[in-house]
Protein backbone atom coordinates (compact mmCIF):
# COMPACT_ATOMS: atom_id res chain seq x y z
CA MET A 1 29.13 23.05 -2.94
CA MET A 2 26.94 23.26 0.16
CA ASN A 3 28.70 24.85 3.13
CA ILE A 4 28.34 22.58 6.19
CA THR A 5 29.30 23.49 9.74
CA VAL A 6 29.14 21.57 13.02
CA SER A 7 27.89 23.22 16.19
CA ASP A 8 27.50 22.20 19.82
CA LYS A 9 25.05 25.06 20.41
CA SER A 10 21.31 24.58 20.67
CA MET A 11 19.41 24.27 17.41
CA LEU A 12 17.43 27.49 17.79
CA SER A 13 20.52 29.56 18.64
CA HIS A 14 21.34 29.56 14.92
CA ALA A 15 19.62 31.91 12.51
CA ALA A 16 18.16 29.77 9.73
CA GLY A 17 15.21 29.54 7.42
CA CYS A 18 14.39 26.01 8.54
CA TYR A 19 15.01 23.64 11.45
CA VAL A 20 14.86 19.84 11.07
CA LEU A 21 14.33 17.10 13.65
CA CYS A 22 14.32 13.37 12.82
CA VAL A 23 12.06 11.31 15.09
CA ALA A 24 11.39 7.61 15.54
CA GLU A 25 7.88 6.24 15.18
CA GLY A 26 5.97 6.50 18.43
CA PHE A 27 8.24 9.24 19.81
CA ASP A 28 7.25 11.12 22.95
CA ALA A 29 6.25 14.43 21.36
CA SER A 30 5.88 16.30 24.63
CA THR A 31 9.35 15.40 25.93
CA LEU A 32 11.08 15.92 22.58
CA LEU A 33 9.59 19.30 21.77
CA LYS A 34 10.11 20.67 25.25
CA GLU A 35 13.79 19.78 24.88
CA TRP A 36 14.22 21.67 21.61
CA ILE A 37 11.30 24.05 21.12
CA PRO A 38 10.12 26.50 23.81
CA HIS A 39 6.38 27.21 24.12
CA SER A 40 5.55 24.04 22.20
CA ASP A 41 1.96 23.49 23.35
CA THR A 42 0.56 24.70 20.03
CA LEU A 43 2.91 22.36 18.17
CA LEU A 44 1.74 19.41 20.23
CA SER A 45 -1.87 20.02 19.27
CA LEU A 46 -0.89 20.40 15.59
CA LEU A 47 1.00 17.11 15.65
CA ALA A 48 -2.04 15.36 17.07
CA LYS A 49 -4.39 17.02 14.60
CA ARG A 50 -2.26 16.00 11.61
CA GLU A 51 -1.73 12.50 13.04
CA PHE A 52 2.05 12.74 12.81
CA THR A 53 3.55 9.70 14.55
CA GLY A 54 7.02 9.47 13.01
CA LYS A 55 6.33 6.77 10.41
CA SER A 56 9.10 6.30 7.87
CA GLN A 57 9.43 9.45 5.71
CA GLN A 58 6.27 10.98 7.19
CA LEU A 59 6.67 14.75 7.13
CA PHE A 60 5.34 17.53 9.35
CA PHE A 61 6.16 21.18 8.85
CA THR A 62 4.87 24.38 10.33
CA HIS A 63 5.81 28.00 10.94
CA MET A 64 7.30 29.14 14.19
CA VAL A 65 8.71 32.39 15.54
CA VAL A 66 12.36 32.60 16.60
CA ASP A 67 13.68 35.97 17.86
CA GLY A 68 10.71 37.71 16.36
CA LYS A 69 11.19 36.18 12.89
CA ILE A 70 9.11 33.50 11.16
CA HIS A 71 10.92 30.25 10.36
CA TYR A 72 9.95 26.70 9.41
CA LEU A 73 10.13 23.63 11.58
CA ILE A 74 10.25 20.21 9.89
CA LEU A 75 9.81 16.90 11.67
CA VAL A 76 10.54 13.83 9.57
CA GLY A 77 9.78 10.25 10.56
CA LEU A 78 12.41 7.53 10.83
CA GLY A 79 9.95 4.68 11.26
CA LYS A 80 10.39 1.73 13.61
CA GLY A 81 13.43 -0.29 14.53
CA VAL A 82 13.44 -3.95 13.48
CA ASP A 83 16.68 -5.77 14.31
CA LYS A 84 17.16 -5.42 18.10
CA ASN A 85 14.94 -2.34 17.86
CA LYS A 86 17.62 -0.55 15.83
CA ILE A 87 16.39 1.59 12.97
CA ASP A 88 17.84 0.70 9.56
CA ILE A 89 20.30 3.37 8.46
CA GLU A 90 18.62 3.40 5.04
CA GLN A 91 15.45 4.67 6.72
CA TYR A 92 17.54 7.55 8.06
CA ARG A 93 19.01 8.29 4.63
CA ARG A 94 15.56 8.52 3.11
CA ALA A 95 14.22 10.62 5.97
CA VAL A 96 17.05 13.14 5.59
CA ALA A 97 16.53 13.29 1.82
CA ARG A 98 12.81 13.83 2.28
CA ALA A 99 13.48 16.71 4.67
CA ILE A 100 16.12 18.33 2.45
CA LYS A 101 13.82 18.27 -0.57
CA GLU A 102 11.13 19.93 1.52
CA VAL A 103 13.61 22.60 2.65
CA ILE A 104 14.45 23.31 -0.99
CA LYS A 105 10.75 23.60 -1.86
CA LEU A 106 10.39 26.17 0.91
CA LYS A 107 13.20 28.18 -0.76
CA THR A 108 15.24 28.64 2.37
CA GLU A 109 18.99 29.00 1.92
CA THR A 110 20.02 27.74 5.38
CA VAL A 111 18.93 24.69 7.36
CA VAL A 112 19.79 23.55 10.87
CA LEU A 113 19.56 19.80 11.52
CA GLN A 114 19.77 18.20 14.93
CA LEU A 115 21.80 15.02 14.48
CA PRO A 116 19.91 12.13 16.09
CA THR A 117 21.54 9.73 18.53
CA ALA A 118 23.77 7.29 16.62
CA THR A 119 22.79 4.41 18.92
CA LEU A 120 19.29 4.58 17.41
CA PHE A 121 20.84 3.00 14.33
CA GLY A 122 23.58 0.95 15.97
CA VAL A 123 26.34 2.97 14.26
CA GLU A 124 29.18 5.32 15.20
CA VAL A 125 28.42 9.04 15.26
CA GLN A 126 31.13 9.82 12.65
CA TYR A 127 29.50 7.41 10.20
CA LEU A 128 26.07 8.92 10.91
CA ALA A 129 27.39 12.40 10.17
CA GLN A 130 28.99 11.17 6.96
CA GLN A 131 25.72 9.63 5.79
CA THR A 132 23.82 12.80 6.70
CA VAL A 133 26.05 14.94 4.50
CA GLU A 134 26.27 12.49 1.57
CA ILE A 135 22.50 12.21 1.37
CA SER A 136 21.88 15.92 1.88
CA MET A 137 24.14 16.70 -1.07
CA MET A 138 22.61 13.97 -3.22
CA ALA A 139 19.08 15.13 -2.43
CA SER A 140 20.07 18.71 -3.32
CA TYR A 141 21.28 17.77 -6.81
CA HIS A 142 19.20 19.07 -9.70
CA PHE A 143 20.28 19.13 -13.35
CA ASP A 144 19.00 22.41 -14.76
CA ASP A 145 21.83 23.55 -17.06
CA PHE A 146 19.51 23.85 -20.03
CA ILE A 147 16.42 25.28 -18.30
CA THR A 148 16.15 28.97 -19.21
CA ASP A 149 12.93 29.75 -17.32
CA ALA A 150 14.14 31.00 -13.92
CA SER A 151 10.83 30.05 -12.29
CA ARG A 152 11.52 26.38 -13.07
CA LYS A 153 14.95 26.36 -11.45
CA GLU A 154 15.03 25.01 -7.93
CA ALA A 155 16.23 27.08 -4.99
CA VAL A 156 19.78 26.41 -3.84
CA LEU A 157 20.48 25.26 -0.30
CA TYR A 158 23.72 27.04 0.54
CA ASP A 159 24.32 26.35 4.23
CA MET A 160 23.68 23.51 6.65
CA VAL A 161 24.41 23.51 10.36
CA ILE A 162 24.55 20.13 12.09
CA CYS A 163 23.96 20.37 15.83
CA VAL A 164 25.53 17.78 18.12
CA ASP A 165 26.58 17.22 21.70
CA THR A 166 29.94 18.84 22.55
CA LYS A 167 31.66 15.47 23.05
CA HIS A 168 30.90 14.48 19.45
CA THR A 169 32.00 17.62 17.58
CA LYS A 170 35.37 16.20 16.47
CA ALA A 171 33.95 12.89 15.25
CA VAL A 172 31.06 14.62 13.49
CA SER A 173 33.40 17.14 11.84
CA ASP A 174 35.51 14.25 10.52
CA GLY A 175 32.39 12.54 9.18
CA VAL A 176 31.22 15.74 7.53
CA LYS A 177 34.51 16.09 5.61
CA VAL A 178 34.27 12.55 4.26
CA GLY A 179 30.59 12.99 3.42
CA GLN A 180 31.28 16.16 1.46
CA ILE A 181 33.96 14.45 -0.64
CA ILE A 182 31.75 11.46 -1.42
CA GLY A 183 28.63 13.55 -2.03
CA GLN A 184 30.53 15.76 -4.43
CA ALA A 185 31.92 12.71 -6.25
CA VAL A 186 28.43 11.26 -6.72
CA ASN A 187 26.95 14.53 -7.96
CA ARG A 188 29.88 15.20 -10.29
CA ALA A 189 29.29 11.88 -12.02
CA ARG A 190 25.53 12.49 -12.15
CA HIS A 191 26.13 15.80 -13.90
CA TRP A 192 28.33 14.17 -16.54
CA ILE A 193 25.74 11.45 -17.13
CA ASP A 194 22.88 13.95 -17.38
CA LEU A 195 24.65 16.06 -20.01
CA PRO A 196 23.32 15.67 -23.58
CA PRO A 197 25.27 13.05 -25.54
CA SER A 198 26.22 15.57 -28.22
CA THR A 199 27.88 17.61 -25.47
CA LEU A 200 29.57 14.79 -23.59
CA THR A 201 31.44 13.18 -26.48
CA PRO A 202 34.36 10.81 -25.84
CA ALA A 203 36.87 13.62 -26.41
CA PHE A 204 34.99 16.04 -24.14
CA PHE A 205 34.62 13.39 -21.44
CA ALA A 206 38.36 12.67 -21.54
CA HIS A 207 39.03 16.42 -21.38
CA LYS A 208 36.87 16.74 -18.24
CA ALA A 209 38.85 13.90 -16.67
CA GLN A 210 42.11 15.69 -17.50
CA GLN A 211 40.84 18.95 -16.00
CA LEU A 212 39.89 17.16 -12.82
CA ALA A 213 43.25 15.39 -12.59
CA LYS A 214 45.09 18.73 -12.69
CA GLU A 215 43.17 19.86 -9.61
CA HIS A 216 43.99 16.76 -7.58
CA ASP A 217 46.85 14.41 -6.80
CA VAL A 218 45.93 12.02 -9.60
CA THR A 219 48.00 10.70 -12.50
CA ILE A 220 46.15 10.53 -15.81
CA GLN A 221 46.93 9.05 -19.19
CA VAL A 222 44.66 9.38 -22.24
CA PHE A 223 45.07 7.24 -25.36
CA ASP A 224 43.45 8.52 -28.56
CA GLU A 225 41.93 6.40 -31.35
CA ARG A 226 45.15 6.16 -33.35
CA GLN A 227 47.02 4.82 -30.33
CA ILE A 228 44.15 2.49 -29.47
CA ASN A 229 44.32 0.99 -32.98
CA GLU A 230 48.11 0.71 -32.79
CA MET A 231 47.84 -1.17 -29.48
CA GLY A 232 45.50 -3.70 -31.06
CA MET A 233 42.40 -2.85 -29.06
CA GLY A 234 39.99 -4.18 -31.64
CA GLY A 235 36.97 -4.12 -29.33
CA LEU A 236 37.19 -0.43 -28.40
CA ALA A 237 38.25 0.67 -31.90
CA GLY A 238 35.61 -1.54 -33.51
CA VAL A 239 32.71 -0.12 -31.50
CA SER A 240 33.91 3.41 -32.29
CA ARG A 241 34.08 2.82 -36.06
CA GLY A 242 30.53 3.93 -36.81
CA SER A 243 30.93 7.33 -35.16
CA ASP A 244 32.62 10.50 -36.34
CA GLU A 245 33.78 10.98 -32.73
CA ASP A 246 37.06 9.22 -31.95
CA CYS A 247 37.26 6.88 -28.96
CA ARG A 248 39.49 7.30 -25.93
CA LEU A 249 41.00 5.17 -23.18
CA VAL A 250 41.37 7.13 -19.95
CA ILE A 251 43.53 5.77 -17.13
CA VAL A 252 43.60 7.54 -13.76
CA GLU A 253 45.81 6.43 -10.88
CA TYR A 254 45.83 7.09 -7.17
CA LYS A 255 48.98 5.95 -5.39
CA ALA A 256 49.09 5.24 -1.67
CA LYS A 257 52.01 6.46 0.42
CA ARG A 258 53.06 2.94 1.43
CA THR A 259 55.27 1.37 -1.23
CA THR A 260 54.01 -2.13 -0.40
CA ALA A 261 50.33 -1.17 -0.56
CA PRO A 262 48.07 -3.54 -2.53
CA THR A 263 46.74 -2.47 -5.92
CA ILE A 264 43.18 -2.78 -7.19
CA ALA A 265 41.72 -1.76 -10.54
CA PHE A 266 38.29 -0.30 -11.24
CA VAL A 267 37.16 -0.52 -14.87
CA GLY A 268 34.08 1.36 -16.12
CA LYS A 269 32.11 1.21 -19.36
CA GLY A 270 32.03 4.55 -21.17
CA ILE A 271 29.62 4.49 -24.10
CA THR A 272 28.65 8.17 -24.32
CA PHE A 273 25.68 7.25 -26.50
CA ASP A 274 24.45 3.81 -27.46
CA SER A 275 22.16 3.56 -30.47
CA GLY A 276 22.84 -0.17 -30.66
CA GLY A 277 24.93 0.30 -33.79
CA LEU A 278 23.66 -1.59 -36.84
CA SER A 279 21.69 -3.84 -34.46
CA ILE A 280 19.79 -0.68 -33.69
CA LYS A 281 17.65 -0.29 -30.58
CA PRO A 282 13.92 0.56 -30.69
CA ALA A 283 13.36 4.27 -30.06
CA ASP A 284 11.90 3.70 -26.59
CA TYR A 285 15.07 1.92 -25.48
CA MET A 286 17.39 4.49 -27.01
CA GLU A 287 16.13 7.73 -25.50
CA CYS A 288 18.07 7.48 -22.23
CA MET A 289 21.20 5.87 -23.69
CA LYS A 290 23.33 8.86 -22.77
CA ASP A 291 23.56 7.01 -19.43
CA ASP A 292 25.64 4.22 -20.98
CA MET A 293 28.83 5.89 -19.74
CA SER A 294 27.72 5.70 -16.09
CA GLY A 295 30.40 3.12 -15.27
CA ALA A 296 33.19 5.31 -16.65
CA ALA A 297 31.80 8.35 -14.82
CA ALA A 298 31.75 6.33 -11.60
CA ILE A 299 35.35 5.21 -12.02
CA ILE A 300 36.81 8.63 -12.81
CA SER A 301 34.90 10.38 -10.03
CA THR A 302 35.73 7.63 -7.52
CA VAL A 303 39.49 7.83 -8.10
CA HIS A 304 39.49 11.59 -7.69
CA ALA A 305 37.54 11.31 -4.45
CA LEU A 306 40.07 8.76 -3.20
CA SER A 307 42.89 11.24 -3.89
CA HIS A 308 41.35 13.32 -1.05
CA LEU A 309 40.43 10.43 1.22
CA LYS A 310 43.83 8.76 0.81
CA PRO A 311 43.20 5.05 1.48
CA ASP A 312 46.11 2.69 2.03
CA VAL A 313 45.68 1.02 -1.36
CA ASN A 314 46.72 1.90 -4.91
CA VAL A 315 43.75 2.35 -7.23
CA ILE A 316 43.89 2.22 -11.02
CA GLY A 317 40.80 3.47 -12.86
CA LEU A 318 40.37 2.53 -16.52
CA ALA A 319 37.60 3.99 -18.66
CA PRO A 320 37.24 2.93 -22.31
CA ILE A 321 35.08 5.62 -23.95
CA ALA A 322 33.30 5.55 -27.34
CA GLU A 323 30.04 6.18 -29.17
CA ASN A 324 28.11 3.27 -30.67
CA LEU A 325 26.43 4.55 -33.83
CA PRO A 326 25.38 3.05 -37.20
CA SER A 327 27.09 4.13 -40.41
CA GLY A 328 28.76 2.69 -43.47
CA LYS A 329 31.91 2.20 -41.38
CA ALA A 330 30.20 0.64 -38.37
CA LEU A 331 30.96 -2.77 -36.93
CA LYS A 332 28.73 -5.36 -38.63
CA PRO A 333 27.05 -8.48 -37.27
CA GLY A 334 29.31 -11.32 -38.36
CA ASP A 335 32.54 -9.32 -37.94
CA ILE A 336 35.33 -10.75 -35.80
CA VAL A 337 37.39 -8.49 -33.56
CA ARG A 338 40.78 -9.15 -31.97
CA PHE A 339 41.36 -7.77 -28.47
CA TYR A 340 44.41 -6.38 -26.71
CA ASN A 341 45.27 -9.78 -25.20
CA GLY A 342 45.03 -11.50 -28.60
CA LYS A 343 41.70 -13.25 -28.06
CA THR A 344 38.99 -12.96 -30.69
CA ALA A 345 35.24 -12.59 -30.61
CA GLU A 346 32.51 -13.00 -33.18
CA VAL A 347 30.14 -10.02 -33.12
CA ARG A 348 26.62 -11.30 -33.66
CA ASN A 349 24.93 -8.25 -32.19
CA THR A 350 26.46 -4.77 -32.26
CA ASP A 351 24.25 -3.72 -29.33
CA ALA A 352 26.30 -6.01 -27.08
CA GLU A 353 29.13 -3.49 -27.36
CA GLY A 354 29.93 -2.74 -23.73
CA ARG A 355 31.68 -6.05 -23.20
CA LEU A 356 33.80 -5.39 -26.30
CA ILE A 357 35.28 -2.15 -24.97
CA LEU A 358 35.63 -3.51 -21.43
CA ALA A 359 37.53 -6.55 -22.74
CA ASP A 360 40.34 -4.33 -24.01
CA ALA A 361 40.49 -2.28 -20.82
CA LEU A 362 40.51 -5.38 -18.60
CA SER A 363 43.27 -6.94 -20.74
CA TYR A 364 45.35 -3.76 -20.47
CA ALA A 365 44.93 -3.65 -16.70
CA VAL A 366 46.03 -7.25 -16.26
CA LYS A 367 49.09 -6.83 -18.48
CA HIS A 368 50.42 -3.55 -17.10
CA TYR A 369 49.70 -3.73 -13.37
CA LYS A 370 50.31 -6.25 -10.62
CA LEU A 371 46.77 -6.41 -9.31
CA ASP A 372 45.25 -7.82 -6.15
CA ALA A 373 41.73 -7.49 -7.61
CA ILE A 374 39.68 -6.01 -10.44
CA ILE A 375 36.11 -4.73 -10.21
CA ASP A 376 34.34 -3.60 -13.36
CA ILE A 377 31.14 -1.57 -13.39
CA ALA A 378 28.86 -1.14 -16.37
CA THR A 379 25.35 -0.47 -17.60
CA LEU A 380 25.79 -3.76 -19.37
CA THR A 381 22.57 -5.70 -19.87
CA GLY A 382 18.84 -5.14 -20.00
CA ALA A 383 18.64 -8.70 -18.68
CA CYS A 384 20.03 -7.58 -15.32
CA ALA A 385 17.64 -4.62 -15.15
CA HIS A 386 14.70 -6.95 -15.80
CA ALA A 387 15.95 -9.50 -13.26
CA LEU A 388 16.60 -7.10 -10.37
CA GLY A 389 14.69 -3.94 -11.24
CA PRO A 390 15.96 -0.47 -10.26
CA PHE A 391 16.98 -1.04 -6.64
CA TYR A 392 19.83 -3.58 -6.75
CA SER A 393 22.92 -3.70 -8.95
CA GLY A 394 23.86 -7.15 -10.16
CA LEU A 395 27.03 -8.66 -8.66
CA MET A 396 28.73 -11.53 -10.46
CA SER A 397 31.99 -13.23 -9.52
CA GLN A 398 33.55 -16.61 -8.83
CA HIS A 399 35.79 -15.14 -6.12
CA ASP A 400 33.91 -15.47 -2.84
CA ALA A 401 36.39 -13.45 -0.76
CA LEU A 402 36.03 -10.47 -3.10
CA VAL A 403 32.26 -10.85 -3.06
CA ASP A 404 32.35 -10.66 0.74
CA VAL A 405 34.30 -7.39 0.56
CA ILE A 406 31.81 -5.90 -1.90
CA HIS A 407 28.81 -7.04 0.13
CA ALA A 408 30.20 -5.43 3.28
CA SER A 409 30.82 -2.18 1.40
CA SER A 410 27.35 -2.35 -0.08
CA GLU A 411 25.83 -2.54 3.40
CA ARG A 412 27.90 0.36 4.73
CA SER A 413 27.61 2.65 1.73
CA GLY A 414 23.93 2.28 0.83
CA ASP A 415 24.70 1.11 -2.73
CA PRO A 416 22.81 -2.23 -2.70
CA VAL A 417 23.95 -5.23 -4.74
CA TRP A 418 22.52 -8.70 -5.31
CA ARG A 419 24.69 -11.64 -6.29
CA LEU A 420 23.67 -13.67 -9.31
CA PRO A 421 24.97 -17.22 -9.85
CA MET A 422 27.98 -17.61 -12.11
CA SER A 423 28.75 -21.31 -12.44
CA ASP A 424 30.74 -22.66 -15.38
CA ASP A 425 27.53 -24.17 -16.77
CA TYR A 426 26.85 -20.78 -18.37
CA LYS A 427 30.31 -20.40 -19.90
CA VAL A 428 29.60 -22.53 -22.97
CA ALA A 429 26.86 -20.07 -23.96
CA ILE A 430 29.48 -17.59 -25.27
CA ARG A 431 31.45 -20.10 -27.36
CA SER A 432 31.72 -19.28 -31.07
CA GLU A 433 32.25 -21.69 -33.95
CA VAL A 434 34.42 -19.15 -35.81
CA ALA A 435 36.24 -17.29 -33.01
CA ASP A 436 37.30 -17.75 -29.39
CA LEU A 437 34.13 -16.13 -28.07
CA CYS A 438 30.77 -14.80 -29.18
CA ASN A 439 29.61 -11.41 -27.92
CA ILE A 440 26.09 -12.63 -27.14
CA GLY A 441 25.10 -15.77 -25.30
CA SER A 442 23.21 -18.61 -26.91
CA ARG A 443 19.44 -18.18 -26.53
CA GLN A 444 19.26 -21.70 -25.19
CA TYR A 445 21.00 -20.54 -22.00
CA LYS A 446 19.08 -17.25 -21.53
CA ALA A 447 20.60 -15.45 -18.45
CA GLY A 448 22.02 -12.57 -20.50
CA ALA A 449 23.56 -10.79 -17.52
CA ILE A 450 25.44 -13.91 -16.43
CA THR A 451 26.69 -14.90 -19.89
CA ALA A 452 27.92 -11.31 -20.38
CA ALA A 453 29.86 -11.61 -17.12
CA HIS A 454 31.47 -14.83 -18.36
CA PHE A 455 32.57 -12.97 -21.49
CA LEU A 456 34.31 -10.34 -19.34
CA GLN A 457 35.91 -12.95 -17.11
CA SER A 458 37.74 -14.26 -20.17
CA PHE A 459 39.96 -11.14 -20.03
CA VAL A 460 41.09 -11.02 -16.39
CA ASP A 461 43.44 -14.01 -16.36
CA THR A 462 43.79 -15.28 -12.77
CA VAL A 463 43.25 -11.95 -11.00
CA PRO A 464 40.35 -12.00 -8.49
CA TRP A 465 37.54 -10.21 -10.31
CA ALA A 466 33.97 -9.07 -9.83
CA HIS A 467 31.46 -7.50 -12.19
CA LEU A 468 28.80 -4.96 -11.24
CA ASP A 469 25.91 -4.56 -13.68
CA ILE A 470 24.24 -1.20 -13.00
CA ALA A 471 21.88 -1.20 -15.98
CA GLY A 472 18.86 -0.93 -13.69
CA THR A 473 20.30 1.33 -11.00
CA ALA A 474 22.21 4.01 -12.93
CA PHE A 475 19.30 6.10 -14.21
CA ASP A 476 15.70 7.02 -13.37
CA VAL A 477 15.41 5.10 -10.10
CA PRO A 478 11.92 5.73 -8.68
CA ALA A 479 10.65 6.13 -5.11
CA ILE A 480 13.99 6.86 -3.40
CA PRO A 481 14.00 10.50 -2.27
CA TYR A 482 17.73 11.18 -2.64
CA TYR A 483 17.45 10.40 -6.36
CA ARG A 484 15.62 12.30 -9.11
CA PRO A 485 14.71 11.53 -12.71
CA GLY A 486 18.09 11.09 -14.38
CA ALA A 487 21.44 9.86 -13.16
CA THR A 488 21.95 8.31 -9.72
CA GLY A 489 25.74 7.91 -9.47
CA ALA A 490 25.26 4.20 -8.76
CA GLY A 491 28.37 2.39 -7.56
CA ILE A 492 30.44 5.38 -6.46
CA ARG A 493 29.69 5.14 -2.75
CA LEU A 494 30.27 1.39 -2.97
CA LEU A 495 33.64 1.59 -4.75
CA ILE A 496 34.92 4.33 -2.44
CA ASP A 497 34.03 2.17 0.55
CA VAL A 498 35.77 -0.85 -1.00
CA ALA A 499 39.00 1.16 -1.35
CA MET A 500 38.74 2.78 2.08
CA ASN A 501 38.26 -0.58 3.81
CA TRP A 502 40.55 -2.75 1.68
CA GLN A 503 42.41 -5.22 3.89
CA ARG A 504 42.96 -8.25 1.68
């Protein structure tokens, strides 16, 4: 993990390969550079020549000499402020990521970053430091486990020094600690998601969760396929039938110190590879389906991060994990499955499998825990990805108070969500003539993301519940510099923020 230190010394007093300054559009170059960089006349002329004005994500870098040694200086643009002239914190996240990626390209192992003034963004300095570290770690992530050509492996950024005013060192240090925990949680999940599906099988995934639980103050319970069948989890066992790899149900628990603390459950879809089953996907839609366990990865990594952050709320994480493959034993269109809570569903399409495994996990959570809320997260529907694209996760719920909590966390964390309507008009779309429910909605009603959410709501009883569909945001998000091709860790920053700020 990147080593991050906080300093109240001047930026150039630290030996480093690279120095980074973030500047707002239209900044006074002469005043700024004279404050930080001695003998800056040459730099001023270079800035003018290259027409660097501080536009959002605009980058300027050059060599400079510090104590007789050549180093790099990077200026990165923050863009303009909009609301009351305050710059959107997302512009800062992207500027930091852009700079960090440039530092890595330059193959320098140490970077010094001058933390900008928090009032530029209308935030507290601790929060700004936290965001700086989270994004720096996310931008540094690169999955290269299976690249054997050393020349193709990226340089590693080992050390970062964040320079601040003396009066802010304590707050910034606190923000750095939180940012490191969250950044590590996001990257851990990304690594699991990026692993080949033949490596990250349900059993191996459950094993990784057990290893992690031993290192932290987290209780874990893992049910194997025999136990899952004995408990009557027909959805999870049914989806797993076509694979030679047995399914698992992983439950991780963080307990708050206060005995009267509220309890919330996070439930994540864990299909380690989704071929579509007998309703097989076209090849083009199957090639990235190792990402179909992104919800489970988010849940497990989130709970372990919370064991360090210690919010005043109990958190139960449930991850049903299976492969969805075709074989002579596979679930067939027309089959009827019975879930843990006794309800039944007609399976008309075996590629609508995520809701089947989540139904059992949601039912288990409701039966065994006294819950104040449930949030599930899943790469559930192509319909949601087509509706919202890669930049917003779908949010569906009929509980407005819970939606407000999630929206606030979305704004703070940088994990954007967009609420889709979920009126009862859509509920009839999942009615079956031969069972309680049908696992795909009637074509007459379209709205596949919403009808899937209604299916899941059938298993939460009266507990306040919300559904996050991350089908579009979990993998291969373009144009955002703190992501890369591959996993994004969507939802983790959001769920951690929900737990840390839970007051209901």
